[in-house]
């Protein structure tokens, strides 16, 4: 196969973003990233076992997107570097040493995810009018049907103005459909 460097650009940019993330290490906890980090640990672990390396890297990119601009704690970054190590061993080793670790990143145990942190505090439900999606509404995890319907009404209040709602169909955790006549 003829060697082509055109596909390396994306990989290079990803590694550069990981490297720059070391500059965003903050002291105070970044709780927003806990869920995404635990999802990343789980997804990458599962994908490695299934030999789905491209989707594992995709999940790492999702984590980077979430972390950029918010900062990341040293512990969160160290966990991410351990996940990165099988995919970019030399860069991960260098970052690991920059974090002040004396041993190799490759001798560290694989991170474990916390199943409790995988569950989102809020969920997004689709709001439909006569079966066509018109908006989305965020509701707390485990919200009642009434709470979901109320949030949906607020999301499409302008579209429902002047119309009579004949029926409201609530599929908990998924959607609310208003049938108007």
N, C-alpha and C. Protein backbone atom coordinates (compact mmCIF):
# COMPACT_ATOMS: atom_id res chain seq x y z
N UNK A 1 0.85 -1.18 0.00
CA UNK A 1 0.00 0.00 0.00
C UNK A 1 0.89 1.23 0.00
N UNK A 2 0.56 2.19 -0.83
CA UNK A 2 1.32 3.43 -0.88
C UNK A 2 1.04 4.23 0.39
N UNK A 3 2.09 4.77 0.99
CA UNK A 3 1.96 5.52 2.23
C UNK A 3 1.40 6.91 1.94
N UNK A 4 0.40 7.30 2.69
CA UNK A 4 -0.21 8.60 2.53
C UNK A 4 -0.31 9.27 3.90
N UNK A 5 0.12 10.51 3.99
CA UNK A 5 0.08 11.22 5.27
C UNK A 5 -1.20 12.05 5.45
N UNK A 6 -2.09 12.02 4.49
CA UNK A 6 -3.29 12.86 4.58
C UNK A 6 -4.21 12.46 5.74
N UNK A 7 -4.26 11.18 6.06
CA UNK A 7 -5.15 10.75 7.14
C UNK A 7 -4.55 10.95 8.52
N UNK A 8 -3.30 11.33 8.58
CA UNK A 8 -2.63 11.53 9.87
C UNK A 8 -3.00 12.87 10.48
N UNK A 9 -3.51 13.79 9.71
CA UNK A 9 -3.82 15.13 10.20
C UNK A 9 -4.82 15.07 11.36
N UNK A 10 -5.89 14.29 11.23
CA UNK A 10 -6.89 14.17 12.28
C UNK A 10 -6.31 13.59 13.56
N UNK A 11 -5.48 12.57 13.42
CA UNK A 11 -4.83 11.95 14.57
C UNK A 11 -3.91 12.95 15.25
N UNK A 12 -3.17 13.69 14.46
CA UNK A 12 -2.26 14.69 15.00
C UNK A 12 -3.02 15.76 15.78
N UNK A 13 -4.12 16.21 15.25
CA UNK A 13 -4.92 17.23 15.95
C UNK A 13 -5.47 16.70 17.27
N UNK A 14 -5.90 15.44 17.27
CA UNK A 14 -6.40 14.84 18.50
C UNK A 14 -5.31 14.80 19.57
N UNK A 15 -4.13 14.35 19.20
CA UNK A 15 -3.01 14.28 20.15
C UNK A 15 -2.63 15.67 20.64
N UNK A 16 -2.65 16.66 19.75
CA UNK A 16 -2.34 18.03 20.15
C UNK A 16 -3.36 18.55 21.17
N UNK A 17 -4.62 18.21 20.97
CA UNK A 17 -5.67 18.62 21.91
C UNK A 17 -5.46 17.96 23.27
N UNK A 18 -5.09 16.69 23.27
CA UNK A 18 -4.81 15.98 24.52
C UNK A 18 -3.64 16.65 25.23
N UNK A 19 -2.61 17.00 24.47
CA UNK A 19 -1.42 17.63 25.04
C UNK A 19 -1.77 19.00 25.65
N UNK A 20 -2.57 19.79 24.92
CA UNK A 20 -2.96 21.11 25.42
C UNK A 20 -3.84 21.02 26.65
N UNK A 21 -4.55 19.91 26.81
CA UNK A 21 -5.41 19.75 27.97
C UNK A 21 -4.60 19.77 29.27
N UNK A 22 -3.32 19.41 29.20
CA UNK A 22 -2.46 19.45 30.38
C UNK A 22 -2.35 20.87 30.92
N UNK A 23 -2.53 21.87 30.07
CA UNK A 23 -2.48 23.26 30.50
C UNK A 23 -3.76 23.70 31.19
N UNK A 24 -4.82 22.91 31.08
CA UNK A 24 -6.12 23.25 31.67
C UNK A 24 -6.39 22.52 32.97
N UNK A 25 -5.34 21.95 33.59
CA UNK A 25 -5.53 21.24 34.85
C UNK A 25 -5.81 22.27 35.94
N UNK A 26 -6.90 22.06 36.67
CA UNK A 26 -7.31 22.98 37.73
C UNK A 26 -7.36 22.24 39.07
N UNK A 27 -7.35 23.00 40.16
CA UNK A 27 -7.35 22.40 41.49
C UNK A 27 -8.75 22.00 41.95
N UNK A 28 -9.74 22.85 41.67
CA UNK A 28 -11.09 22.58 42.16
C UNK A 28 -11.76 21.50 41.31
N UNK A 29 -12.60 20.68 41.93
CA UNK A 29 -13.26 19.58 41.21
C UNK A 29 -14.14 20.08 40.07
N UNK A 30 -14.16 19.32 39.00
CA UNK A 30 -15.01 19.61 37.85
C UNK A 30 -16.04 18.49 37.78
N UNK A 31 -17.12 18.65 38.56
CA UNK A 31 -18.12 17.60 38.69
C UNK A 31 -18.83 17.28 37.38
N UNK A 32 -18.93 18.27 36.50
CA UNK A 32 -19.61 18.07 35.22
C UNK A 32 -18.95 16.94 34.42
N UNK A 33 -17.65 16.80 34.57
CA UNK A 33 -16.91 15.81 33.78
C UNK A 33 -16.99 14.40 34.35
N UNK A 34 -17.41 14.26 35.60
CA UNK A 34 -17.43 12.93 36.21
C UNK A 34 -18.26 11.94 35.41
N UNK A 35 -19.46 12.34 34.99
CA UNK A 35 -20.32 11.44 34.23
C UNK A 35 -19.70 11.07 32.89
N UNK A 36 -19.18 12.08 32.18
CA UNK A 36 -18.59 11.82 30.87
C UNK A 36 -17.33 10.95 31.01
N UNK A 37 -16.53 11.19 32.04
CA UNK A 37 -15.33 10.38 32.26
C UNK A 37 -15.70 8.93 32.55
N UNK A 38 -16.71 8.72 33.39
CA UNK A 38 -17.13 7.34 33.69
C UNK A 38 -17.72 6.66 32.46
N UNK A 39 -18.46 7.41 31.64
CA UNK A 39 -18.96 6.86 30.38
C UNK A 39 -17.79 6.49 29.46
N UNK A 40 -16.77 7.32 29.46
CA UNK A 40 -15.60 7.07 28.61
C UNK A 40 -14.86 5.82 29.08
N UNK A 41 -14.67 5.69 30.38
CA UNK A 41 -14.00 4.49 30.91
C UNK A 41 -14.76 3.25 30.49
N UNK A 42 -16.08 3.26 30.68
CA UNK A 42 -16.90 2.09 30.33
C UNK A 42 -16.85 1.79 28.84
N UNK A 43 -17.06 2.82 28.02
CA UNK A 43 -17.12 2.62 26.56
C UNK A 43 -15.78 2.15 26.02
N UNK A 44 -14.69 2.79 26.43
CA UNK A 44 -13.37 2.39 25.93
C UNK A 44 -13.04 0.97 26.40
N UNK A 45 -13.36 0.64 27.63
CA UNK A 45 -13.11 -0.72 28.12
C UNK A 45 -13.87 -1.75 27.30
N UNK A 46 -15.15 -1.48 27.07
CA UNK A 46 -15.97 -2.41 26.28
C UNK A 46 -15.48 -2.49 24.83
N UNK A 47 -15.11 -1.34 24.26
CA UNK A 47 -14.66 -1.31 22.87
C UNK A 47 -13.33 -2.02 22.67
N UNK A 48 -12.45 -1.93 23.63
CA UNK A 48 -11.16 -2.64 23.52
C UNK A 48 -11.42 -4.15 23.50
N UNK A 49 -12.31 -4.60 24.38
CA UNK A 49 -12.63 -6.03 24.42
C UNK A 49 -13.27 -6.50 23.12
N UNK A 50 -14.01 -5.62 22.46
CA UNK A 50 -14.70 -5.96 21.21
C UNK A 50 -13.89 -5.61 19.97
N UNK A 51 -12.66 -5.12 20.16
CA UNK A 51 -11.79 -4.71 19.05
C UNK A 51 -12.41 -3.60 18.21
N UNK A 52 -13.16 -2.71 18.86
CA UNK A 52 -13.77 -1.55 18.19
C UNK A 52 -12.96 -0.30 18.54
N UNK A 53 -11.76 -0.25 18.04
CA UNK A 53 -10.84 0.81 18.43
C UNK A 53 -11.26 2.18 17.93
N UNK A 54 -11.90 2.24 16.77
CA UNK A 54 -12.31 3.54 16.23
C UNK A 54 -13.39 4.18 17.11
N UNK A 55 -14.32 3.40 17.64
CA UNK A 55 -15.36 3.98 18.50
C UNK A 55 -14.80 4.31 19.88
N UNK A 56 -13.76 3.60 20.30
CA UNK A 56 -13.10 3.94 21.57
C UNK A 56 -12.45 5.32 21.45
N UNK A 57 -11.77 5.56 20.34
CA UNK A 57 -11.14 6.87 20.12
C UNK A 57 -12.22 7.94 19.99
N UNK A 58 -13.32 7.62 19.36
CA UNK A 58 -14.42 8.56 19.23
C UNK A 58 -14.94 8.97 20.60
N UNK A 59 -15.06 8.04 21.52
CA UNK A 59 -15.52 8.35 22.88
C UNK A 59 -14.50 9.23 23.59
N UNK A 60 -13.21 8.99 23.36
CA UNK A 60 -12.19 9.85 23.97
C UNK A 60 -12.31 11.27 23.44
N UNK A 61 -12.66 11.41 22.16
CA UNK A 61 -12.87 12.74 21.59
C UNK A 61 -14.07 13.42 22.22
N UNK A 62 -15.11 12.66 22.50
CA UNK A 62 -16.29 13.20 23.17
C UNK A 62 -15.91 13.74 24.54
N UNK A 63 -15.07 12.99 25.25
CA UNK A 63 -14.61 13.46 26.56
C UNK A 63 -13.80 14.74 26.42
N UNK A 64 -12.90 14.78 25.45
CA UNK A 64 -12.10 16.00 25.24
C UNK A 64 -13.00 17.20 24.95
N UNK A 65 -14.01 17.01 24.11
CA UNK A 65 -14.94 18.09 23.80
C UNK A 65 -15.62 18.60 25.07
N UNK A 66 -16.00 17.69 25.96
CA UNK A 66 -16.66 18.07 27.20
C UNK A 66 -15.70 18.80 28.14
N UNK A 67 -14.43 18.41 28.12
CA UNK A 67 -13.45 18.98 29.04
C UNK A 67 -12.91 20.33 28.59
N UNK A 68 -12.86 20.56 27.31
CA UNK A 68 -12.31 21.81 26.80
C UNK A 68 -13.14 23.00 27.27
N UNK A 69 -12.47 23.98 27.80
CA UNK A 69 -13.14 25.18 28.26
C UNK A 69 -13.62 25.11 29.70
N UNK A 70 -13.73 23.92 30.25
CA UNK A 70 -14.19 23.77 31.63
C UNK A 70 -13.02 23.55 32.58
N UNK A 71 -11.92 23.06 32.07
CA UNK A 71 -10.82 22.65 32.93
C UNK A 71 -11.00 21.20 33.32
N UNK A 72 -9.98 20.64 33.91
CA UNK A 72 -9.99 19.23 34.28
C UNK A 72 -9.08 19.07 35.49
N UNK A 73 -9.48 18.25 36.45
CA UNK A 73 -8.63 18.05 37.62
C UNK A 73 -7.47 17.14 37.26
N UNK A 74 -6.44 17.17 38.08
CA UNK A 74 -5.27 16.33 37.84
C UNK A 74 -5.66 14.85 37.85
N UNK A 75 -6.55 14.48 38.76
CA UNK A 75 -6.99 13.08 38.84
C UNK A 75 -7.77 12.68 37.59
N UNK A 76 -8.66 13.54 37.12
CA UNK A 76 -9.42 13.25 35.91
C UNK A 76 -8.50 13.13 34.70
N UNK A 77 -7.52 14.03 34.63
CA UNK A 77 -6.59 13.99 33.51
C UNK A 77 -5.73 12.73 33.57
N UNK A 78 -5.27 12.36 34.77
CA UNK A 78 -4.47 11.14 34.92
C UNK A 78 -5.26 9.91 34.50
N UNK A 79 -6.54 9.87 34.85
CA UNK A 79 -7.40 8.76 34.43
C UNK A 79 -7.52 8.72 32.92
N UNK A 80 -7.72 9.89 32.32
CA UNK A 80 -7.82 9.95 30.86
C UNK A 80 -6.52 9.50 30.20
N UNK A 81 -5.39 9.88 30.75
CA UNK A 81 -4.09 9.47 30.18
C UNK A 81 -3.94 7.95 30.26
N UNK A 82 -4.41 7.34 31.34
CA UNK A 82 -4.35 5.87 31.44
C UNK A 82 -5.22 5.21 30.38
N UNK A 83 -6.36 5.81 30.05
CA UNK A 83 -7.23 5.28 29.00
C UNK A 83 -6.58 5.46 27.63
N UNK A 84 -5.89 6.56 27.46
CA UNK A 84 -5.23 6.88 26.19
C UNK A 84 -4.02 5.98 25.92
N UNK A 85 -3.38 5.49 26.96
CA UNK A 85 -2.11 4.78 26.85
C UNK A 85 -2.07 3.65 25.80
N UNK A 86 -3.08 2.79 25.69
CA UNK A 86 -2.98 1.74 24.67
C UNK A 86 -3.03 2.27 23.23
N UNK A 87 -3.58 3.45 23.05
CA UNK A 87 -3.75 4.02 21.72
C UNK A 87 -2.60 4.94 21.31
N UNK A 88 -2.01 5.62 22.29
CA UNK A 88 -0.90 6.54 22.03
C UNK A 88 0.12 6.35 23.15
N UNK A 89 0.85 5.24 23.13
CA UNK A 89 1.69 4.89 24.28
C UNK A 89 2.81 5.89 24.59
N UNK A 90 3.44 6.43 23.59
CA UNK A 90 4.56 7.33 23.84
C UNK A 90 4.10 8.67 24.41
N UNK A 91 3.06 9.23 23.82
CA UNK A 91 2.51 10.50 24.31
C UNK A 91 1.95 10.31 25.72
N UNK A 92 1.23 9.21 25.94
CA UNK A 92 0.66 8.95 27.26
C UNK A 92 1.75 8.84 28.31
N UNK A 93 2.84 8.18 27.96
CA UNK A 93 3.96 8.04 28.91
C UNK A 93 4.55 9.41 29.25
N UNK A 94 4.73 10.25 28.24
CA UNK A 94 5.28 11.59 28.46
C UNK A 94 4.34 12.42 29.34
N UNK A 95 3.04 12.38 29.05
CA UNK A 95 2.07 13.12 29.86
C UNK A 95 2.03 12.58 31.29
N UNK A 96 2.14 11.28 31.44
CA UNK A 96 2.13 10.64 32.75
C UNK A 96 3.30 11.14 33.59
N UNK A 97 4.47 11.23 32.97
CA UNK A 97 5.65 11.74 33.67
C UNK A 97 5.48 13.23 34.01
N UNK A 98 4.86 13.99 33.10
CA UNK A 98 4.61 15.42 33.36
C UNK A 98 3.66 15.62 34.54
N UNK A 99 2.80 14.66 34.79
CA UNK A 99 1.88 14.73 35.92
C UNK A 99 2.59 14.41 37.25
N UNK A 100 3.87 14.08 37.18
CA UNK A 100 4.66 13.84 38.39
C UNK A 100 4.75 12.40 38.81
N UNK A 101 4.33 11.48 37.97
CA UNK A 101 4.39 10.06 38.31
C UNK A 101 5.77 9.50 37.98
N UNK A 102 6.24 8.62 38.83
CA UNK A 102 7.58 8.03 38.65
C UNK A 102 7.53 6.73 37.86
N UNK A 103 6.49 5.92 38.09
CA UNK A 103 6.36 4.64 37.38
C UNK A 103 5.74 4.87 36.00
N UNK A 104 5.80 3.86 35.17
CA UNK A 104 5.23 3.94 33.83
C UNK A 104 3.70 3.89 33.89
N UNK A 105 3.06 4.60 32.99
CA UNK A 105 1.61 4.58 32.89
C UNK A 105 1.13 3.17 32.54
N UNK A 106 1.97 2.41 31.87
CA UNK A 106 1.59 1.08 31.42
C UNK A 106 1.61 0.04 32.53
N UNK A 107 2.16 0.40 33.70
CA UNK A 107 2.13 -0.52 34.84
C UNK A 107 0.99 -0.19 35.80
N UNK A 108 0.26 0.87 35.51
CA UNK A 108 -0.85 1.28 36.35
C UNK A 108 -2.09 0.43 36.05
N UNK A 109 -2.94 0.22 37.05
CA UNK A 109 -4.17 -0.55 36.78
C UNK A 109 -5.14 0.23 35.89
N UNK A 110 -5.92 -0.51 35.13
CA UNK A 110 -6.92 0.10 34.26
C UNK A 110 -7.99 0.74 35.13
N UNK A 111 -8.43 1.95 34.81
CA UNK A 111 -9.44 2.61 35.64
C UNK A 111 -10.78 1.87 35.63
N UNK A 112 -11.48 1.97 36.73
CA UNK A 112 -12.80 1.36 36.86
C UNK A 112 -13.85 2.49 36.83
N UNK A 113 -14.99 2.21 36.22
CA UNK A 113 -16.05 3.21 36.18
C UNK A 113 -17.00 3.00 37.34
N UNK A 114 -17.65 4.08 37.73
CA UNK A 114 -18.65 4.07 38.79
C UNK A 114 -20.03 4.06 38.12
N UNK A 115 -20.74 2.96 38.23
CA UNK A 115 -22.04 2.81 37.55
C UNK A 115 -23.04 3.88 37.99
N UNK A 116 -22.93 4.36 39.22
CA UNK A 116 -23.85 5.40 39.70
C UNK A 116 -23.64 6.72 38.96
N UNK A 117 -22.43 6.95 38.51
CA UNK A 117 -22.12 8.21 37.83
C UNK A 117 -22.42 8.16 36.33
N UNK A 118 -22.88 7.02 35.83
CA UNK A 118 -23.23 6.91 34.42
C UNK A 118 -24.61 7.48 34.13
N UNK A 119 -25.42 7.59 35.16
CA UNK A 119 -26.80 8.03 34.98
C UNK A 119 -26.86 9.55 35.04
N UNK A 120 -27.50 10.13 34.06
CA UNK A 120 -27.61 11.59 33.99
C UNK A 120 -28.62 12.10 35.01
N UNK A 121 -28.40 13.32 35.51
CA UNK A 121 -29.34 13.95 36.43
C UNK A 121 -30.60 14.39 35.70
N UNK A 122 -30.43 14.79 34.44
CA UNK A 122 -31.57 15.21 33.63
C UNK A 122 -31.60 14.42 32.34
N UNK A 123 -32.76 14.34 31.76
CA UNK A 123 -32.91 13.67 30.46
C UNK A 123 -33.59 14.65 29.50
N UNK A 124 -33.41 14.41 28.23
CA UNK A 124 -34.04 15.24 27.21
C UNK A 124 -35.14 14.42 26.55
N UNK A 125 -36.33 14.99 26.52
CA UNK A 125 -37.46 14.30 25.88
C UNK A 125 -37.87 15.08 24.63
N UNK A 126 -38.37 14.37 23.65
CA UNK A 126 -38.87 15.00 22.43
C UNK A 126 -40.29 15.49 22.69
N UNK A 127 -40.60 16.64 22.11
CA UNK A 127 -41.95 17.19 22.23
C UNK A 127 -42.53 17.26 20.82
N UNK A 128 -43.66 16.58 20.64
CA UNK A 128 -44.29 16.49 19.33
C UNK A 128 -45.66 17.15 19.34
N UNK A 129 -46.05 17.64 18.18
CA UNK A 129 -47.41 18.11 17.97
C UNK A 129 -47.93 17.34 16.76
N UNK A 130 -48.99 16.59 16.98
CA UNK A 130 -49.57 15.72 15.94
C UNK A 130 -48.53 14.79 15.32
N UNK A 131 -47.64 14.27 16.16
CA UNK A 131 -46.67 13.27 15.70
C UNK A 131 -45.42 13.82 15.07
N UNK A 132 -45.29 15.15 14.96
CA UNK A 132 -44.09 15.75 14.38
C UNK A 132 -43.31 16.45 15.48
N UNK A 133 -42.03 16.13 15.57
CA UNK A 133 -41.18 16.71 16.60
C UNK A 133 -41.03 18.21 16.37
N UNK A 134 -41.32 18.97 17.42
CA UNK A 134 -41.28 20.42 17.32
C UNK A 134 -40.29 21.05 18.30
N UNK A 135 -39.91 20.31 19.35
CA UNK A 135 -38.99 20.86 20.35
C UNK A 135 -38.44 19.72 21.21
N UNK A 136 -37.59 20.12 22.12
CA UNK A 136 -37.06 19.20 23.13
C UNK A 136 -37.22 19.86 24.49
N UNK A 137 -37.34 19.05 25.54
CA UNK A 137 -37.46 19.58 26.90
C UNK A 137 -36.57 18.76 27.82
N UNK A 138 -35.92 19.45 28.73
CA UNK A 138 -35.10 18.77 29.73
C UNK A 138 -35.91 18.62 31.00
N UNK A 139 -35.89 17.40 31.54
CA UNK A 139 -36.61 17.11 32.78
C UNK A 139 -35.70 16.31 33.70
N UNK A 140 -35.94 16.38 35.02
CA UNK A 140 -35.12 15.58 35.94
C UNK A 140 -35.31 14.09 35.69
N UNK A 141 -34.26 13.33 35.91
CA UNK A 141 -34.34 11.88 35.80
C UNK A 141 -35.42 11.38 36.74
N UNK A 142 -36.33 10.56 36.26
CA UNK A 142 -37.40 10.01 37.10
C UNK A 142 -38.58 10.94 37.28
N UNK A 143 -38.68 11.97 36.45
CA UNK A 143 -39.81 12.91 36.55
C UNK A 143 -41.11 12.18 36.24
N UNK A 144 -42.17 12.61 36.90
CA UNK A 144 -43.48 11.99 36.67
C UNK A 144 -44.02 12.38 35.30
N UNK A 145 -45.07 11.69 34.88
CA UNK A 145 -45.70 12.00 33.59
C UNK A 145 -46.21 13.45 33.58
N UNK A 146 -46.76 13.88 34.71
CA UNK A 146 -47.28 15.23 34.81
C UNK A 146 -46.17 16.27 34.66
N UNK A 147 -45.02 16.03 35.29
CA UNK A 147 -43.89 16.95 35.19
C UNK A 147 -43.36 16.99 33.76
N UNK A 148 -43.31 15.84 33.11
CA UNK A 148 -42.83 15.79 31.73
C UNK A 148 -43.79 16.53 30.80
N UNK A 149 -45.10 16.35 31.02
CA UNK A 149 -46.09 17.04 30.20
C UNK A 149 -46.01 18.55 30.41
N UNK A 150 -45.82 18.98 31.65
CA UNK A 150 -45.73 20.41 31.95
C UNK A 150 -44.50 21.03 31.27
N UNK A 151 -43.36 20.34 31.32
CA UNK A 151 -42.14 20.83 30.67
C UNK A 151 -42.34 20.89 29.15
N UNK A 152 -43.04 19.90 28.61
CA UNK A 152 -43.30 19.86 27.17
C UNK A 152 -44.22 21.01 26.75
N UNK A 153 -45.25 21.27 27.56
CA UNK A 153 -46.16 22.39 27.25
C UNK A 153 -45.39 23.71 27.21
N UNK A 154 -44.48 23.89 28.14
CA UNK A 154 -43.66 25.11 28.17
C UNK A 154 -42.80 25.22 26.93
N UNK A 155 -42.23 24.09 26.49
CA UNK A 155 -41.32 24.09 25.34
C UNK A 155 -42.04 24.47 24.04
N UNK A 156 -43.31 24.12 23.92
CA UNK A 156 -44.04 24.40 22.66
C UNK A 156 -45.22 25.35 22.88
N UNK A 157 -45.16 26.16 23.92
CA UNK A 157 -46.27 27.06 24.27
C UNK A 157 -46.66 27.96 23.11
N UNK A 158 -45.67 28.52 22.41
CA UNK A 158 -45.97 29.42 21.29
C UNK A 158 -46.69 28.69 20.16
N UNK A 159 -46.28 27.46 19.89
CA UNK A 159 -46.89 26.69 18.79
C UNK A 159 -48.30 26.23 19.15
N UNK A 160 -48.56 26.07 20.45
CA UNK A 160 -49.88 25.61 20.88
C UNK A 160 -50.86 26.76 21.10
N UNK A 161 -50.39 27.99 21.04
CA UNK A 161 -51.24 29.16 21.30
C UNK A 161 -52.44 29.16 20.35
N UNK A 162 -53.62 29.25 20.93
CA UNK A 162 -54.84 29.32 20.12
C UNK A 162 -55.35 27.97 19.64
N UNK A 163 -54.68 26.90 19.99
CA UNK A 163 -55.11 25.56 19.56
C UNK A 163 -55.67 24.80 20.75
N UNK A 164 -56.57 23.89 20.48
CA UNK A 164 -57.15 23.06 21.53
C UNK A 164 -56.43 21.72 21.55
N UNK A 165 -55.89 21.38 22.71
CA UNK A 165 -55.23 20.08 22.87
C UNK A 165 -56.31 19.05 23.16
N UNK A 166 -56.44 18.08 22.25
CA UNK A 166 -57.44 17.03 22.43
C UNK A 166 -56.91 15.93 23.33
N UNK A 167 -55.62 15.72 23.23
CA UNK A 167 -55.03 14.61 23.99
C UNK A 167 -53.53 14.85 24.14
N UNK A 168 -52.98 14.45 25.27
CA UNK A 168 -51.53 14.51 25.49
C UNK A 168 -51.06 13.08 25.77
N UNK A 169 -50.15 12.59 24.92
CA UNK A 169 -49.62 11.24 25.06
C UNK A 169 -48.20 11.36 25.61
N UNK A 170 -47.97 10.77 26.78
CA UNK A 170 -46.66 10.83 27.42
C UNK A 170 -46.03 9.45 27.43
N UNK A 171 -44.89 9.33 26.79
CA UNK A 171 -44.09 8.10 26.87
C UNK A 171 -42.95 8.45 27.82
N UNK A 172 -43.02 7.99 29.07
CA UNK A 172 -42.07 8.43 30.10
C UNK A 172 -40.60 8.28 29.67
N UNK A 173 -39.89 9.39 29.85
CA UNK A 173 -38.46 9.38 29.55
C UNK A 173 -38.12 9.46 28.07
N UNK A 174 -39.11 9.55 27.19
CA UNK A 174 -38.84 9.57 25.75
C UNK A 174 -39.47 10.76 25.05
N UNK A 175 -40.81 10.88 25.14
CA UNK A 175 -41.47 11.94 24.39
C UNK A 175 -42.83 12.28 24.97
N UNK A 176 -43.29 13.47 24.54
CA UNK A 176 -44.66 13.90 24.82
C UNK A 176 -45.23 14.34 23.47
N UNK A 177 -46.41 13.82 23.14
CA UNK A 177 -47.06 14.16 21.86
C UNK A 177 -48.40 14.81 22.17
N UNK A 178 -48.58 16.04 21.69
CA UNK A 178 -49.85 16.73 21.83
C UNK A 178 -50.65 16.56 20.55
N UNK A 179 -51.88 16.05 20.69
CA UNK A 179 -52.77 15.90 19.56
C UNK A 179 -53.71 17.12 19.60
N UNK A 180 -53.61 17.93 18.55
CA UNK A 180 -54.43 19.13 18.49
C UNK A 180 -55.42 19.01 17.33
N UNK A 181 -56.54 19.71 17.46
CA UNK A 181 -57.56 19.61 16.44
C UNK A 181 -57.79 20.88 15.69
